[in-house]
């Protein structure tokens, strides 16, 4: 099952199928994993060895423009997350698709 877009239910089903765990337990594991990652990102940058690193980007307020109507509006300041894959994952992907 290879899809471009996965949601938590898809991940839970895949985990359940591969491990033989119940779907409810798989959902709990996925939810707990996301919660742990979110909490660690909130406390600063997060580096997962052999997976990659998450970094908080602070974006400033700026003026945006609707391309259809040319109307200008203010895009508020916000935080965003950047993910950089590890060299190992990048290398593995390049072997597969390179």
Foldseek 3Di string as FASTA:
>chain_A
DDDPDDDLQNQLVVVCVVPVDDSVVSSVVSVVVVVVVVVVVVVAKDADPQFWIKHKDWAQKDWDADVVPRDIDIDHIDIDIDTDGDPNVVVVVVVVVD
